[in-house]
Amino acid sequence: MKSKFSLLSALLIAILFNSCGKDDNLIIEPTLLVPTLSGFGVPPKSVGDDSFYLTPPISNSSGAFTYTSSNTAVATISDNTVTIVAEGTTSIIASQAAKGDFLAGDISADFVVAPPIISGGSRNIYVSVNLGNDATADPFSPSTPFKTIQAASNITMPGDVVNIMDGTYQQPNTTDANHIILDIKRSGAEGAYITYQPFPGAAPIIESKGQKWNAIIVNASYIIVKDLTLYGDNQALSLADAKAAEIDKRAGGTNWNLYSKFNTNGIDISGSNNPHHVEIRGCTVHDFPGGGIGGADCDYITIADNITYNNCWFGMWATSGISIFGPKNSDNTTGYKIKIIRNISYNNKPQVPYTSSASSKLSDGNGIIIDANNGTQGKVVYTGRTLVENNICYKNGGGGIHIFQAHRVDVINNTTFENEQVLDYANIDALYSDDIKFINNIAYAKSGGKANDSFNNTNVTFDYNIYFTGSVKEGGSNSKSANPLFVDAANGNFRLQSNSPAINAGTTNSITGTTYDIVNNPRIKNGRTDCGAYEIN
């Protein structure tokens, strides 16, 4: 077989030959090349899917490919046909034989096999901290439940319902920040969400104490968490200790277990799986030193009908009662994909400096914040739209509803009352943002505070709002400055009195298509909407 040499190689041979005597023995061996392999991937599958063929990698060599699986308990390979065995992850290695001027080479890709997709039904899984056993052989009966919610989560499949019985559920280890109460990693499927809820008639409590980053992490898709009560460790912590931990971190410390103690979050929707289609509904989340309910690097998130209060008191990472930070697209649709609706968020306040701030300033402690969805802060440009509607935010340390470095957000029919308890924020505001609408809201500022604020924005609209006390940066031609006349704001009753100027002060149509208020009363009566979260007239 003749080898093909480059022109440079031929010139080098000639030079070497001419420099040798006739009795010299010259042996020339060509330099073999390493093949360039790319474009090899294996799409994820589920248990029960048919066998399939592998598509060879792209290569500049014509050598033949063979394939192997690193974990034959998950998938086996015959020639180029993959057969699924069980759920799990394996590496598929494509090995190319040496040929011509090219050496042998290989490239690998991870192959993930998910649990089987259940159609036409679901399983009920039961948990009881008081009566259960994680070694039970039959967790599908309420008489033989698991003991921990995590044990139930570890066997969930699409369509399952995890029923949590009465009792107080705590993490098994209070000194290791990596031990949490519930780490959701197994996904449901479209039309077959996995649901975590109380057993009928039960009122379980999820209590987080000690050194923990989160009580619940949702790092999976097609998940519903509903009607649960979670509370953190605020009442056992001291502000002096929290400030000392922040000073230690700012000085270059790495005592992460200690820091977690003062920064525990309630429910965190984030992780390497980029969760999407997650709903947090009807939960009460309070007294967490970090944030209440938050999401990052996620998509299609609904946070609805929750109550978050007394959070953020000791955290050093600028948390809020409800937050969405840097969502990540799971598709390119442009409609409403994130919905923050019908929540009540109050008394979430910062007291410890934001450790990433160069000047040791306090930050956030908002009722609701939409942050960094416009490509800032190292996050992607989010294509979906975000709806913040029918919420009540009051007496928070930062803003009521704070839109920061964001775009494509509609803030509609919310009630905010005397926020800015710690910081000089506003009840409703947008900063460094674009394409934001504030419509039909009530912004009642504290004395000397800010009803609304707007800075360095483009295409931001404030209109049909009710403002009272405090400064108004941008009013809107259809807005009013008047006392909204709440029934009993001092005790958290923000319904409107019968003579409130907020009645019928909103738009003549639904901006978002929503036809109900915070308690599901019909939204439009007598041809117009009321401002704020409650519809009265």
Protein backbone atom coordinates (compact mmCIF):
# COMPACT_ATOMS: atom_id res chain seq x y z
CA MET A 1 0.00 0.00 0.00
CA LYS A 2 1.33 3.42 -0.88
CA SER A 3 1.28 6.10 1.79
CA LYS A 4 0.34 9.62 0.86
CA PHE A 5 2.74 12.23 2.09
CA SER A 6 2.38 15.96 2.14
CA LEU A 7 4.63 18.15 0.00
CA LEU A 8 6.48 19.22 3.13
CA SER A 9 7.13 15.58 4.04
CA ALA A 10 8.44 14.85 0.52
CA LEU A 11 10.87 17.79 0.66
CA LEU A 12 12.11 16.67 4.07
CA ILE A 13 12.81 13.15 2.72
CA ALA A 14 14.75 14.53 -0.24
CA ILE A 15 16.92 16.66 2.03
CA LEU A 16 17.63 13.76 4.34
CA PHE A 17 18.45 11.43 1.39
CA ASN A 18 20.88 13.88 -0.20
CA SER A 19 22.66 14.41 3.14
CA CYS A 20 23.41 10.71 3.52
CA GLY A 21 26.22 8.70 1.93
CA LYS A 22 25.47 5.82 -0.42
CA ASP A 23 26.25 3.32 2.29
CA ASP A 24 23.89 4.91 4.81
CA ASN A 25 20.65 3.07 5.53
CA LEU A 26 17.73 5.54 5.59
CA ILE A 27 14.35 4.32 6.90
CA ILE A 28 11.49 6.78 6.51
CA GLU A 29 8.29 6.14 8.49
CA PRO A 30 5.29 8.39 7.91
CA THR A 31 3.78 10.29 10.90
CA LEU A 32 0.30 8.93 11.62
CA LEU A 33 -2.48 11.34 12.38
CA VAL A 34 -4.97 11.37 15.25
CA PRO A 35 -8.52 11.37 13.82
CA THR A 36 -10.77 14.32 14.57
CA LEU A 37 -14.07 13.02 15.98
CA SER A 38 -17.17 15.13 16.62
CA GLY A 39 -20.95 15.19 16.39
CA PHE A 40 -21.59 12.13 18.52
CA GLY A 41 -24.61 12.13 20.81
CA VAL A 42 -27.21 9.73 22.16
CA PRO A 43 -30.73 11.10 22.84
CA PRO A 44 -32.27 10.28 26.24
CA LYS A 45 -34.78 7.43 26.35
CA SER A 46 -37.14 5.80 28.85
CA VAL A 47 -37.42 2.23 30.05
CA GLY A 48 -39.73 0.44 27.62
CA ASP A 49 -38.58 2.35 24.53
CA ASP A 50 -37.61 0.29 21.48
CA SER A 51 -34.02 -0.55 20.55
CA PHE A 52 -32.43 2.01 18.24
CA TYR A 53 -29.46 2.54 15.95
CA LEU A 54 -26.49 4.76 16.73
CA THR A 55 -25.48 7.47 14.26
CA PRO A 56 -21.70 7.34 13.72
CA PRO A 57 -19.58 10.32 14.72
CA ILE A 58 -18.18 12.72 12.13
CA SER A 59 -14.54 11.85 11.38
CA ASN A 60 -11.78 12.75 8.94
CA SER A 61 -10.75 9.07 8.95
CA SER A 62 -12.57 6.27 7.11
CA GLY A 63 -11.85 3.65 9.80
CA ALA A 64 -14.72 1.44 10.91
CA PHE A 65 -16.58 2.16 14.16
CA THR A 66 -17.42 -0.22 16.98
CA TYR A 67 -19.48 0.66 20.04
CA THR A 68 -19.47 -0.30 23.71
CA SER A 69 -21.53 0.58 26.78
CA SER A 70 -19.77 1.36 30.06
CA ASN A 71 -22.74 0.09 32.08
CA THR A 72 -24.45 -2.94 30.56
CA ALA A 73 -26.96 -2.92 33.43
CA VAL A 74 -28.42 0.21 31.78
CA ALA A 75 -27.93 -0.52 28.06
CA THR A 76 -26.25 -3.12 25.86
CA ILE A 77 -24.94 -2.76 22.29
CA SER A 78 -24.78 -5.26 19.42
CA ASP A 79 -23.05 -3.86 16.33
CA ASN A 80 -24.62 -0.37 16.31
CA THR A 81 -27.95 -1.29 17.94
CA VAL A 82 -28.64 -0.13 21.51
CA THR A 83 -31.01 -2.11 23.71
CA ILE A 84 -32.33 -0.51 26.90
CA VAL A 85 -32.10 -2.63 30.05
CA ALA A 86 -32.95 -0.35 32.99
CA GLU A 87 -33.02 3.27 34.11
CA GLY A 88 -29.71 4.96 34.81
CA THR A 89 -26.76 6.50 32.96
CA THR A 90 -24.08 4.87 30.85
CA SER A 91 -21.34 6.13 28.56
CA ILE A 92 -21.56 4.99 24.94
CA ILE A 93 -18.04 4.80 23.48
CA ALA A 94 -17.56 4.96 19.71
CA SER A 95 -14.14 3.50 18.83
CA GLN A 96 -12.72 4.04 15.36
CA ALA A 97 -10.15 1.60 13.96
CA ALA A 98 -6.83 2.80 12.55
CA LYS A 99 -6.76 3.14 8.80
CA GLY A 100 -4.31 4.62 6.29
CA ASP A 101 -2.52 7.62 7.76
CA PHE A 102 -4.83 7.71 10.81
CA LEU A 103 -4.43 6.19 14.23
CA ALA A 104 -7.32 4.65 16.13
CA GLY A 105 -9.49 7.03 18.13
CA ASP A 106 -12.62 7.18 20.25
CA ILE A 107 -15.32 9.53 21.45
CA SER A 108 -18.01 9.04 24.09
CA ALA A 109 -21.44 10.40 24.98
CA ASP A 110 -23.62 9.98 28.05
CA PHE A 111 -26.84 8.04 27.55
CA VAL A 112 -29.58 8.67 30.13
CA VAL A 113 -32.44 6.20 30.54
CA ALA A 114 -35.41 7.58 32.48
CA PRO A 115 -38.03 5.56 34.37
CA PRO A 116 -40.90 4.21 32.26
CA ILE A 117 -43.61 6.67 31.33
CA ILE A 118 -46.91 5.64 32.86
CA SER A 119 -49.99 6.29 30.78
CA GLY A 120 -53.57 6.11 31.88
CA GLY A 121 -52.95 6.03 35.63
CA SER A 122 -50.73 6.73 38.59
CA ARG A 123 -49.52 5.23 41.86
CA ASN A 124 -50.17 6.59 45.32
CA ILE A 125 -47.07 6.47 47.52
CA TYR A 126 -47.49 7.06 51.26
CA VAL A 127 -45.16 8.62 53.84
CA SER A 128 -45.48 8.81 57.63
CA VAL A 129 -42.67 10.06 59.82
CA ASN A 130 -44.42 8.57 62.85
CA LEU A 131 -45.46 5.15 61.52
CA GLY A 132 -43.34 4.55 58.44
CA ASN A 133 -40.28 2.48 57.54
CA ASP A 134 -38.01 3.28 54.58
CA ALA A 135 -37.44 -0.46 54.15
CA THR A 136 -41.14 -1.17 53.60
CA ALA A 137 -41.93 -3.55 50.78
CA ASP A 138 -45.27 -1.91 50.05
CA PRO A 139 -45.23 1.91 50.26
CA PHE A 140 -48.35 1.95 48.07
CA SER A 141 -50.57 1.23 51.05
CA PRO A 142 -51.26 3.86 53.76
CA SER A 143 -50.81 1.12 56.38
CA THR A 144 -47.18 0.43 55.33
CA PRO A 145 -45.75 3.83 54.37
CA PHE A 146 -42.21 5.09 53.95
CA LYS A 147 -40.77 7.08 56.84
CA THR A 148 -39.09 9.86 54.83
CA ILE A 149 -40.34 11.89 51.88
CA GLN A 150 -36.98 11.33 50.19
CA ALA A 151 -37.49 7.57 50.14
CA ALA A 152 -40.77 8.10 48.32
CA SER A 153 -39.20 10.57 45.89
CA ASN A 154 -36.48 8.06 45.03
CA ILE A 155 -38.98 5.63 43.47
CA THR A 156 -41.39 8.07 41.81
CA MET A 157 -42.41 7.66 38.20
CA PRO A 158 -44.48 9.97 35.97
CA GLY A 159 -48.03 10.30 37.24
CA ASP A 160 -47.26 9.29 40.84
CA VAL A 161 -48.70 11.08 43.88
CA VAL A 162 -46.68 11.22 47.11
CA ASN A 163 -49.11 11.50 50.04
CA ILE A 164 -47.50 12.93 53.19
CA MET A 165 -49.19 12.05 56.48
CA ASP A 166 -49.27 14.04 59.72
CA GLY A 167 -46.05 14.73 61.56
CA THR A 168 -42.99 16.97 61.52
CA TYR A 169 -40.44 16.07 58.86
CA GLN A 170 -36.84 17.12 59.44
CA GLN A 171 -33.59 16.45 57.61
CA PRO A 172 -31.71 13.41 58.96
CA ASN A 173 -28.51 15.35 59.68
CA THR A 174 -28.36 18.91 60.99
CA THR A 175 -24.59 19.45 60.69
CA ASP A 176 -24.02 18.57 57.03
CA ALA A 177 -25.32 21.13 54.53
CA ASN A 178 -25.68 18.45 51.86
CA HIS A 179 -28.42 16.63 53.80
CA ILE A 180 -31.80 18.15 53.00
CA ILE A 181 -35.35 17.05 53.63
CA LEU A 182 -36.39 16.56 50.01
CA ASP A 183 -34.20 16.56 46.91
CA ILE A 184 -36.46 15.99 43.89
CA LYS A 185 -34.44 14.63 40.96
CA ARG A 186 -36.89 12.29 39.22
CA SER A 187 -39.10 13.94 36.62
CA GLY A 188 -42.66 13.40 35.61
CA ALA A 189 -43.76 13.79 32.00
CA GLU A 190 -46.10 15.95 29.97
CA GLY A 191 -49.59 15.08 31.15
CA ALA A 192 -48.16 12.96 34.00
CA TYR A 193 -46.81 15.28 36.67
CA ILE A 194 -45.39 13.88 39.91
CA THR A 195 -47.28 15.47 42.82
CA TYR A 196 -46.17 15.97 46.44
CA GLN A 197 -49.10 16.76 48.73
CA PRO A 198 -50.55 16.12 52.19
CA PHE A 199 -52.43 12.89 52.77
CA PRO A 200 -56.17 13.74 52.69
CA GLY A 201 -57.05 15.51 55.93
CA ALA A 202 -53.43 15.71 57.11
CA ALA A 203 -51.36 18.82 57.87
CA PRO A 204 -47.70 17.73 57.76
CA ILE A 205 -44.93 20.18 58.63
CA ILE A 206 -41.52 20.33 57.00
CA GLU A 207 -39.10 21.83 59.49
CA SER A 208 -35.55 22.81 58.58
CA LYS A 209 -33.03 23.24 61.39
CA GLY A 210 -29.28 23.49 61.52
CA GLN A 211 -26.82 23.73 58.66
CA LYS A 212 -28.80 23.36 55.46
CA TRP A 213 -28.92 25.21 52.15
CA ASN A 214 -32.51 24.25 51.30
CA ALA A 215 -35.48 22.42 52.77
CA ILE A 216 -36.75 21.33 49.33
CA ILE A 217 -34.86 21.34 46.04
CA VAL A 218 -36.71 20.74 42.79
CA ASN A 219 -34.13 19.71 40.19
CA ALA A 220 -36.59 17.88 37.95
CA SER A 221 -39.41 18.66 35.53
CA TYR A 222 -43.18 18.14 35.52
CA ILE A 223 -43.41 18.44 39.30
CA ILE A 224 -46.18 19.79 41.56
CA VAL A 225 -45.56 20.63 45.24
CA LYS A 226 -48.76 21.73 46.91
CA ASP A 227 -50.42 22.57 50.23
CA LEU A 228 -47.35 21.95 52.39
CA THR A 229 -46.16 24.02 55.38
CA LEU A 230 -42.43 24.65 55.65
CA TYR A 231 -40.68 26.59 58.35
CA GLY A 232 -37.09 27.46 59.01
CA ASP A 233 -34.83 28.18 61.95
CA ASN A 234 -35.07 31.97 62.27
CA GLN A 235 -36.29 31.91 65.85
CA ALA A 236 -33.17 30.03 66.99
CA LEU A 237 -30.64 32.25 65.20
CA SER A 238 -28.99 35.48 66.28
CA LEU A 239 -28.26 38.48 64.10
CA ALA A 240 -24.82 38.89 65.65
CA ASP A 241 -23.84 35.34 64.69
CA ALA A 242 -25.18 35.81 61.15
CA LYS A 243 -23.20 39.01 60.71
CA ALA A 244 -20.07 37.30 62.03
CA ALA A 245 -20.52 34.53 59.45
CA GLU A 246 -20.80 37.11 56.65
CA ILE A 247 -17.63 38.87 57.85
CA ASP A 248 -15.83 35.54 57.83
CA LYS A 249 -17.01 34.81 54.28
CA ARG A 250 -16.07 38.30 53.08
CA ALA A 251 -12.57 37.79 54.49
CA GLY A 252 -12.12 34.74 52.27
CA GLY A 253 -13.55 32.07 54.55
CA THR A 254 -14.78 28.72 53.24
CA ASN A 255 -16.81 27.40 56.17
CA TRP A 256 -19.75 26.47 53.95
CA ASN A 257 -21.55 24.39 56.56
CA LEU A 258 -21.59 27.39 58.89
CA TYR A 259 -22.75 29.76 56.15
CA SER A 260 -25.58 27.44 55.18
CA LYS A 261 -27.01 27.70 58.69
CA PHE A 262 -27.80 31.38 58.08
CA ASN A 263 -28.81 31.04 54.42
CA THR A 264 -31.31 28.17 54.31
CA ASN A 265 -34.00 28.58 51.65
CA GLY A 266 -37.49 27.13 51.74
CA ILE A 267 -38.14 25.82 48.22
CA ASP A 268 -35.48 26.14 45.52
CA ILE A 269 -36.29 25.32 41.88
CA SER A 270 -32.88 25.01 40.22
CA GLY A 271 -30.05 22.67 39.36
CA SER A 272 -28.08 21.01 36.61
CA ASN A 273 -31.23 19.47 35.10
CA ASN A 274 -32.61 22.96 34.30
CA PRO A 275 -36.07 22.14 35.70
CA HIS A 276 -39.16 23.14 33.76
CA HIS A 277 -42.91 22.74 34.19
CA VAL A 278 -42.81 23.04 37.97
CA GLU A 279 -45.74 24.25 40.07
CA ILE A 280 -45.55 25.37 43.70
CA ARG A 281 -49.13 25.82 44.91
CA GLY A 282 -50.81 26.58 48.21
CA CYS A 283 -47.70 26.26 50.38
CA THR A 284 -46.86 28.30 53.47
CA VAL A 285 -43.12 29.04 53.72
CA HIS A 286 -41.87 31.05 56.66
CA ASP A 287 -38.98 31.84 58.98
CA PHE A 288 -36.21 30.75 56.64
CA PRO A 289 -32.99 32.74 57.11
CA GLY A 290 -32.53 32.73 53.32
CA GLY A 291 -35.24 33.01 50.67
CA GLY A 292 -38.80 31.71 50.71
CA ILE A 293 -39.61 30.30 47.25
CA GLY A 294 -37.18 30.83 44.40
CA GLY A 295 -36.19 29.62 40.96
CA ALA A 296 -33.09 29.93 38.76
CA ASP A 297 -32.07 28.41 35.42
CA CYS A 298 -35.62 27.10 35.09
CA ASP A 299 -38.63 27.48 32.78
CA TYR A 300 -42.42 27.13 32.85
CA ILE A 301 -42.70 27.90 36.55
CA THR A 302 -45.98 28.59 38.35
CA ILE A 303 -45.85 29.93 41.93
CA ALA A 304 -49.47 30.30 42.98
CA ASP A 305 -51.60 30.70 46.12
CA ASN A 306 -48.64 30.56 48.52
CA ILE A 307 -47.90 32.55 51.68
CA THR A 308 -44.27 33.53 52.34
CA TYR A 309 -43.33 35.52 55.41
CA ASN A 310 -40.54 36.19 57.93
CA ASN A 311 -37.84 35.04 55.49
CA CYS A 312 -34.47 36.56 54.49
CA TRP A 313 -33.59 37.79 57.96
CA PHE A 314 -30.09 36.33 58.27
CA GLY A 315 -28.99 35.53 54.72
CA MET A 316 -25.95 37.08 53.05
CA TRP A 317 -26.96 36.43 49.42
CA ALA A 318 -29.73 39.00 48.81
CA THR A 319 -32.82 36.79 48.94
CA SER A 320 -36.55 37.60 48.83
CA GLY A 321 -39.92 36.12 49.71
CA ILE A 322 -40.51 34.98 46.11
CA SER A 323 -37.83 35.27 43.44
CA ILE A 324 -37.07 34.31 39.85
CA PHE A 325 -33.41 34.78 38.94
CA GLY A 326 -32.09 34.18 35.44
CA PRO A 327 -34.66 31.74 34.01
CA LYS A 328 -33.44 29.47 31.20
CA ASN A 329 -35.36 28.61 28.04
CA SER A 330 -36.50 25.04 27.51
CA ASP A 331 -38.06 26.14 24.20
CA ASN A 332 -38.35 29.36 22.21
CA THR A 333 -42.02 30.22 22.78
CA THR A 334 -42.79 33.80 23.75
CA GLY A 335 -46.03 33.64 25.75
CA TYR A 336 -46.47 33.51 29.53
CA LYS A 337 -44.17 30.80 30.84
CA ILE A 338 -43.50 32.08 34.36
CA LYS A 339 -46.51 32.95 36.50
CA ILE A 340 -46.37 34.44 40.00
CA ILE A 341 -50.05 34.66 40.91
CA ARG A 342 -52.32 35.01 43.96
CA ASN A 343 -49.53 34.89 46.55
CA ILE A 344 -49.20 36.79 49.84
CA SER A 345 -45.66 37.82 50.78
CA TYR A 346 -44.82 39.89 53.85
CA ASN A 347 -42.17 40.76 56.45
CA ASN A 348 -39.32 39.33 54.41
CA LYS A 349 -36.42 41.62 55.22
CA PRO A 350 -32.62 41.82 54.90
CA GLN A 351 -30.51 42.45 58.01
CA VAL A 352 -27.11 41.05 56.97
CA PRO A 353 -24.97 42.70 54.26
CA TYR A 354 -24.98 41.19 50.79
CA THR A 355 -21.63 39.43 50.79
CA SER A 356 -21.01 40.09 47.09
CA SER A 357 -21.41 43.83 47.63
CA ALA A 358 -18.11 45.71 47.71
CA SER A 359 -19.49 48.18 50.24
CA SER A 360 -21.22 45.74 52.63
CA LYS A 361 -24.67 47.03 51.77
CA LEU A 362 -27.96 45.37 52.55
CA SER A 363 -29.90 44.15 49.52
CA ASP A 364 -33.33 42.86 48.51
CA GLY A 365 -35.77 41.33 51.01
CA ASN A 366 -38.54 41.99 48.47
CA GLY A 367 -42.00 40.54 48.47
CA ILE A 368 -41.47 39.45 44.85
CA ILE A 369 -38.49 39.99 42.55
CA ILE A 370 -37.97 39.21 38.85
CA ASP A 371 -34.22 39.46 38.26
CA ALA A 372 -31.73 39.07 35.38
CA ASN A 373 -33.86 37.56 32.64
CA ASN A 374 -32.53 39.91 29.94
CA GLY A 375 -29.03 38.52 29.46
CA THR A 376 -27.40 40.37 32.34
CA GLN A 377 -25.47 38.95 35.31
CA GLY A 378 -24.14 36.09 33.20
CA LYS A 379 -27.61 34.74 32.43
CA VAL A 380 -29.24 34.00 29.07
CA VAL A 381 -31.81 36.16 27.33
CA TYR A 382 -35.16 34.65 28.30
CA THR A 383 -37.70 34.48 25.47
CA GLY A 384 -40.83 33.86 27.52
CA ARG A 385 -43.03 36.40 29.22
CA THR A 386 -43.50 36.64 32.99
CA LEU A 387 -46.81 37.39 34.70
CA VAL A 388 -47.02 38.83 38.24
CA GLU A 389 -50.73 39.10 39.00
CA ASN A 390 -53.21 39.22 41.92
CA ASN A 391 -50.51 39.18 44.63
CA ILE A 392 -50.35 41.01 47.97
CA CYS A 393 -46.96 42.22 49.20
CA TYR A 394 -46.71 44.21 52.41
CA LYS A 395 -44.26 45.29 55.09
CA ASN A 396 -41.26 43.77 53.34
CA GLY A 397 -37.80 45.15 53.96
CA GLY A 398 -37.07 45.83 50.30
CA GLY A 399 -39.62 46.47 47.59
CA GLY A 400 -43.09 45.10 47.19
CA ILE A 401 -42.65 43.98 43.57
CA HIS A 402 -39.15 44.66 42.29
CA ILE A 403 -38.22 44.25 38.60
CA PHE A 404 -34.44 44.42 38.13
CA GLN A 405 -32.46 43.95 34.92
CA ALA A 406 -35.42 42.19 33.35
CA HIS A 407 -37.68 42.34 30.32
CA ARG A 408 -41.07 41.07 29.14
CA VAL A 409 -42.82 41.27 32.54
CA ASP A 410 -46.45 42.23 33.23
CA VAL A 411 -47.31 43.36 36.79
CA ILE A 412 -51.09 43.40 36.92
CA ASN A 413 -53.70 43.86 39.70
CA ASN A 414 -51.40 43.56 42.71
CA THR A 415 -51.70 45.22 46.11
CA THR A 416 -48.56 46.55 47.81
CA PHE A 417 -48.55 48.21 51.21
CA GLU A 418 -45.82 49.96 53.22
CA ASN A 419 -42.87 47.99 51.94
CA GLU A 420 -39.34 49.56 52.08
CA GLN A 421 -39.20 48.81 55.81
CA VAL A 422 -35.39 48.47 55.67
CA LEU A 423 -34.19 49.74 52.28
CA ASP A 424 -34.97 52.74 50.10
CA TYR A 425 -36.77 50.67 47.46
CA ALA A 426 -40.31 51.27 46.16
CA ASN A 427 -43.60 49.43 46.43
CA ILE A 428 -43.57 48.74 42.69
CA ASP A 429 -40.59 49.54 40.50
CA ALA A 430 -38.47 48.67 37.48
CA LEU A 431 -34.74 49.34 37.19
CA TYR A 432 -32.53 48.75 34.13
CA SER A 433 -35.40 46.97 32.41
CA ASP A 434 -37.38 46.88 29.15
CA ASP A 435 -40.93 46.01 28.09
CA ILE A 436 -42.52 46.11 31.54
CA LYS A 437 -46.18 46.91 32.29
CA PHE A 438 -47.56 48.00 35.67
CA ILE A 439 -51.36 48.09 35.29
CA ASN A 440 -54.29 48.09 37.78
CA ASN A 441 -52.07 47.96 40.89
CA ILE A 442 -52.36 49.62 44.29
CA ALA A 443 -49.09 51.05 45.64
CA TYR A 444 -49.51 52.38 49.20
CA ALA A 445 -46.17 53.70 50.45
CA LYS A 446 -44.99 54.21 53.98
CA SER A 447 -44.70 57.81 55.12
CA GLY A 448 -41.82 59.39 53.23
CA GLY A 449 -41.41 56.30 51.05
CA LYS A 450 -41.87 55.56 47.36
CA ALA A 451 -45.11 54.42 45.80
CA ASN A 452 -43.29 53.59 42.57
CA ASP A 453 -39.92 54.09 40.93
CA SER A 454 -38.39 53.83 37.48
CA PHE A 455 -34.74 54.16 36.48
CA ASN A 456 -32.79 53.60 33.28
CA ASN A 457 -35.64 51.73 31.57
CA THR A 458 -37.06 51.53 28.07
CA ASN A 459 -40.67 50.81 27.13
CA VAL A 460 -41.98 50.69 30.72
CA THR A 461 -45.64 51.56 31.31
CA PHE A 462 -47.32 52.63 34.56
CA ASP A 463 -51.07 53.23 34.18
CA TYR A 464 -54.46 52.64 35.81
CA ASN A 465 -52.76 52.38 39.21
CA ILE A 466 -53.75 53.78 42.61
CA TYR A 467 -50.94 55.54 44.50
CA PHE A 468 -51.08 56.76 48.07
CA THR A 469 -48.46 58.60 50.15
CA GLY A 470 -44.84 58.61 49.10
CA SER A 471 -43.33 59.69 45.81
CA VAL A 472 -44.51 58.70 42.34
CA LYS A 473 -41.81 58.63 39.65
CA GLU A 474 -44.14 57.78 36.75
CA GLY A 475 -47.88 58.05 37.25
CA GLY A 476 -49.79 57.32 34.04
CA SER A 477 -52.62 59.38 32.62
CA ASN A 478 -55.31 57.03 33.98
CA SER A 479 -53.81 56.53 37.43
CA LYS A 480 -55.04 58.15 40.65
CA SER A 481 -53.42 59.41 43.83
CA ALA A 482 -55.91 58.53 46.56
CA ASN A 483 -56.34 56.49 49.72
CA PRO A 484 -57.56 53.07 48.52
CA LEU A 485 -59.50 52.57 51.78
CA PHE A 486 -58.57 49.05 52.78
CA VAL A 487 -60.86 47.25 55.21
CA ASP A 488 -58.13 46.65 57.85
CA ALA A 489 -54.58 46.99 56.51
CA ALA A 490 -53.08 46.92 60.02
CA ASN A 491 -54.24 43.31 60.35
CA GLY A 492 -53.53 42.24 56.78
CA ASN A 493 -57.03 42.67 55.33
CA PHE A 494 -56.56 44.46 52.01
CA ARG A 495 -60.08 44.12 50.68
CA LEU A 496 -61.60 47.40 49.54
CA GLN A 497 -64.27 49.29 51.43
CA SER A 498 -67.44 49.94 49.48
CA ASN A 499 -66.48 53.59 48.83
CA SER A 500 -62.88 52.90 47.76
CA PRO A 501 -61.61 54.98 44.82
CA ALA A 502 -59.89 51.81 43.56
CA ILE A 503 -63.27 50.31 42.61
CA ASN A 504 -63.80 50.37 38.85
CA ALA A 505 -60.58 52.38 38.48
CA GLY A 506 -58.86 49.76 36.34
CA THR A 507 -59.00 48.85 32.70
CA THR A 508 -62.16 47.92 30.83
CA ASN A 509 -60.77 44.55 29.81
CA SER A 510 -58.45 41.90 31.19
CA ILE A 511 -54.88 42.67 30.19
CA THR A 512 -53.79 39.05 30.60
CA GLY A 513 -56.94 37.06 29.97
CA THR A 514 -57.35 36.34 33.70
CA THR A 515 -60.98 36.66 34.76
CA TYR A 516 -60.66 36.10 38.53
CA ASP A 517 -59.07 37.88 41.48
CA ILE A 518 -56.92 36.55 44.33
CA VAL A 519 -59.83 34.61 45.87
CA ASN A 520 -61.37 33.58 42.53
CA ASN A 521 -64.09 36.23 42.46
CA PRO A 522 -65.01 37.26 38.89
CA ARG A 523 -62.61 40.01 37.93
CA ILE A 524 -64.66 42.36 35.70
CA LYS A 525 -67.91 43.76 37.13
CA ASN A 526 -69.89 46.71 35.82
CA GLY A 527 -67.63 46.90 32.81
CA ARG A 528 -64.32 47.65 34.56
CA THR A 529 -61.80 46.01 36.84
CA ASP A 530 -60.99 47.19 40.34
CA CYS A 531 -57.39 48.04 41.11
CA GLY A 532 -55.48 45.75 43.43
CA ALA A 533 -55.70 42.05 44.18
CA TYR A 534 -59.39 42.02 45.23
CA GLU A 535 -62.40 42.63 43.01
CA ILE A 536 -65.28 44.09 45.02
CA ASN A 537 -67.80 45.80 42.77
